[in-house]
Protein backbone atom coordinates (compact mmCIF):
# COMPACT_ATOMS: atom_id res chain seq x y z
CA UNK A 1 -0.33 6.30 -11.11
CA UNK A 2 0.29 6.96 -7.53
CA UNK A 3 -1.68 4.69 -5.01
CA UNK A 4 -2.08 5.21 -1.28
CA UNK A 5 -3.17 2.16 0.84
CA UNK A 6 -3.44 1.18 4.45
CA UNK A 7 -2.38 -2.41 5.10
CA UNK A 8 -1.86 -4.70 7.98
CA UNK A 9 1.29 -6.97 8.04
CA UNK A 10 1.41 -10.18 10.03
CA UNK A 11 4.98 -11.34 10.60
CA UNK A 12 5.74 -14.90 11.61
CA UNK A 13 7.81 -14.99 14.81
CA UNK A 14 10.98 -15.99 12.93
CA UNK A 15 10.84 -12.90 10.81
CA UNK A 16 10.26 -10.04 13.27
CA UNK A 17 13.89 -9.18 13.38
CA UNK A 18 14.34 -8.85 9.59
CA UNK A 19 14.35 -5.40 7.98
CA UNK A 20 11.52 -6.20 5.59
CA UNK A 21 9.55 -2.94 5.92
CA UNK A 22 12.61 -0.73 5.21
CA UNK A 23 13.21 -2.58 1.96
CA UNK A 24 9.86 -1.19 0.70
CA UNK A 25 11.39 2.25 0.67
CA UNK A 26 14.86 1.19 -0.48
CA UNK A 27 14.03 -1.46 -3.17
CA UNK A 28 10.48 -0.39 -4.27
CA UNK A 29 10.61 3.44 -3.80
CA UNK A 30 7.51 3.35 -1.54
CA UNK A 31 6.75 5.83 1.18
CA UNK A 32 5.54 4.27 4.34
CA UNK A 33 4.26 5.46 7.74
CA UNK A 34 3.94 3.05 10.60
CA UNK A 35 0.64 3.74 12.15
CA UNK A 36 0.66 1.05 14.80
CA UNK A 37 2.99 -1.87 15.56
CA UNK A 38 3.36 -4.72 17.90
CA UNK A 39 6.66 -6.43 17.14
CA UNK A 40 8.31 -8.69 19.92
CA UNK A 41 11.14 -11.16 19.34
CA UNK A 42 9.86 -14.75 19.38
CA UNK A 43 6.22 -13.65 18.87
CA UNK A 44 4.11 -12.90 15.82
CA UNK A 45 4.47 -9.17 14.80
CA UNK A 46 1.60 -7.06 13.62
CA UNK A 47 2.14 -3.69 11.92
CA UNK A 48 -0.33 -1.24 10.44
CA UNK A 49 1.19 0.76 7.62
CA UNK A 50 0.05 3.55 5.32
CA UNK A 51 1.92 3.06 1.95
CA UNK A 52 2.19 5.45 -0.93
CA UNK A 53 3.90 5.13 -4.32
CA UNK A 54 3.71 4.08 -7.93
CA UNK A 55 1.05 1.25 -8.53
CA UNK A 56 3.60 -1.06 -9.96
CA UNK A 57 6.05 -0.54 -7.24
CA UNK A 58 3.26 -1.11 -4.69
CA UNK A 59 2.35 -4.35 -6.29
CA UNK A 60 5.98 -5.48 -6.44
CA UNK A 61 6.49 -4.47 -2.76
CA UNK A 62 3.39 -6.43 -1.58
CA UNK A 63 4.51 -9.41 -3.71
CA UNK A 64 8.04 -9.22 -2.03
CA UNK A 65 6.40 -9.26 1.47
CA UNK A 66 4.11 -12.16 0.58
CA UNK A 67 6.94 -14.28 -0.83
CA UNK A 68 8.94 -13.54 2.33
CA UNK A 69 6.19 -15.14 4.40
CA UNK A 70 4.47 -12.00 5.62
CA UNK A 71 0.63 -11.98 5.54
CA UNK A 72 -0.62 -8.77 3.84
CA UNK A 73 -4.11 -7.68 4.64
CA UNK A 74 -5.94 -4.60 3.26
CA UNK A 75 -7.54 -2.51 5.97
CA UNK A 76 -11.23 -3.18 5.01
CA UNK A 77 -12.76 -0.48 7.13
CA UNK A 78 -12.20 3.06 7.94
CA UNK A 79 -13.46 5.54 10.58
CA UNK A 80 -15.39 8.67 9.54
CA UNK A 81 -16.65 11.42 11.67
CA UNK A 82 -20.27 12.74 11.23
CA UNK A 83 -19.56 16.45 11.73
CA UNK A 84 -23.19 17.19 12.25
CA UNK A 85 -23.26 15.04 15.35
CA UNK A 86 -19.87 15.89 16.88
CA UNK A 87 -20.04 18.08 19.94
CA UNK A 88 -16.25 18.29 20.32
CA UNK A 89 -16.32 16.86 23.86
CA UNK A 90 -12.80 15.44 23.45
CA UNK A 91 -13.54 11.91 24.70
CA UNK A 92 -12.18 10.40 21.57
CA UNK A 93 -8.95 12.27 21.80
CA UNK A 94 -8.18 10.71 25.13
CA UNK A 95 -8.44 7.15 23.79
CA UNK A 96 -6.88 7.61 20.36
CA UNK A 97 -3.54 5.76 20.15
CA UNK A 98 -2.53 7.87 17.10
CA UNK A 99 -2.48 11.56 16.25
CA UNK A 100 -5.68 11.09 14.26
CA UNK A 101 -7.79 12.92 16.81
CA UNK A 102 -6.39 16.13 18.39
CA UNK A 103 -7.82 19.34 19.99
CA UNK A 104 -7.18 22.51 17.99
CA UNK A 105 -5.60 24.85 20.64
CA UNK A 106 -7.13 27.95 19.07
CA UNK A 107 -10.69 26.78 18.41
CA UNK A 108 -10.84 24.04 21.20
CA UNK A 109 -12.50 21.79 18.59
CA UNK A 110 -11.65 18.13 17.85
CA UNK A 111 -9.85 17.72 14.62
CA UNK A 112 -9.98 14.40 12.82
CA UNK A 113 -7.13 13.48 10.40
CA UNK A 114 -8.13 10.18 8.77
CA UNK A 115 -4.61 9.80 7.31
CA UNK A 116 -3.38 8.90 10.86
CA UNK A 117 -6.24 6.67 11.75
CA UNK A 118 -5.53 2.94 12.20
CA UNK A 119 -9.28 2.04 12.52
CA UNK A 120 -8.80 0.53 16.06
CA UNK A 121 -12.45 1.66 16.84
CA UNK A 122 -11.63 3.06 20.31
CA UNK A 123 -13.18 6.47 19.39
CA UNK A 124 -16.27 4.79 18.20
CA UNK A 125 -16.84 2.98 21.48
CA UNK A 126 -16.42 6.20 23.62
CA UNK A 127 -18.22 8.72 21.53
CA UNK A 128 -21.46 9.62 23.51
CA UNK A 129 -23.25 11.09 20.44
CA UNK A 130 -22.14 8.40 17.98
CA UNK A 131 -20.26 10.94 15.70
CA UNK A 132 -17.53 8.49 15.09
CA UNK A 133 -18.70 5.83 12.62
CA UNK A 134 -17.20 2.65 10.95
CA UNK A 135 -17.49 2.50 7.34
CA UNK A 136 -16.57 -0.58 5.18
C-alpha cells in the first residue's frame, strides 16, 4: 500500500551536515519533496517533507531517522480553502512561502494546491474573508 505523509524533521546541530534525507530515497525507495527547510551548520535544523512510498518502506525510513537522532513529527494540521468565501484577492499568494497558492494567468483566480502547503498559516492570517482555514 502506498502512503503519502507530511512530516517535520528536527536535526540536532551535530547532524545537519549528514545526508540523512537522501538515504530515504536511496535505501528505502521513498519519494520526498522538501517543502520548507532551515538547516544551518552548528544549529538545529528543521525540515518539512512530503514523503511517498510503500507503507513498510516509510516505516523503515522513519525508524532509520529516529535511530539516527532525528526527531520525526507528523504534521498535525492542514490548511483548507473555503471556496465559497474566497474572493480571489491574491493577498494569500503574496505571503505564501511555497507554490501552494498561485494566480492562474488565464482566469486571474487564486489556485490552491494543498500538496505544496507546509501549513505555516501565513495565508490564514492575511485572508480578509477568512477563506483559508486550519483543520486538525
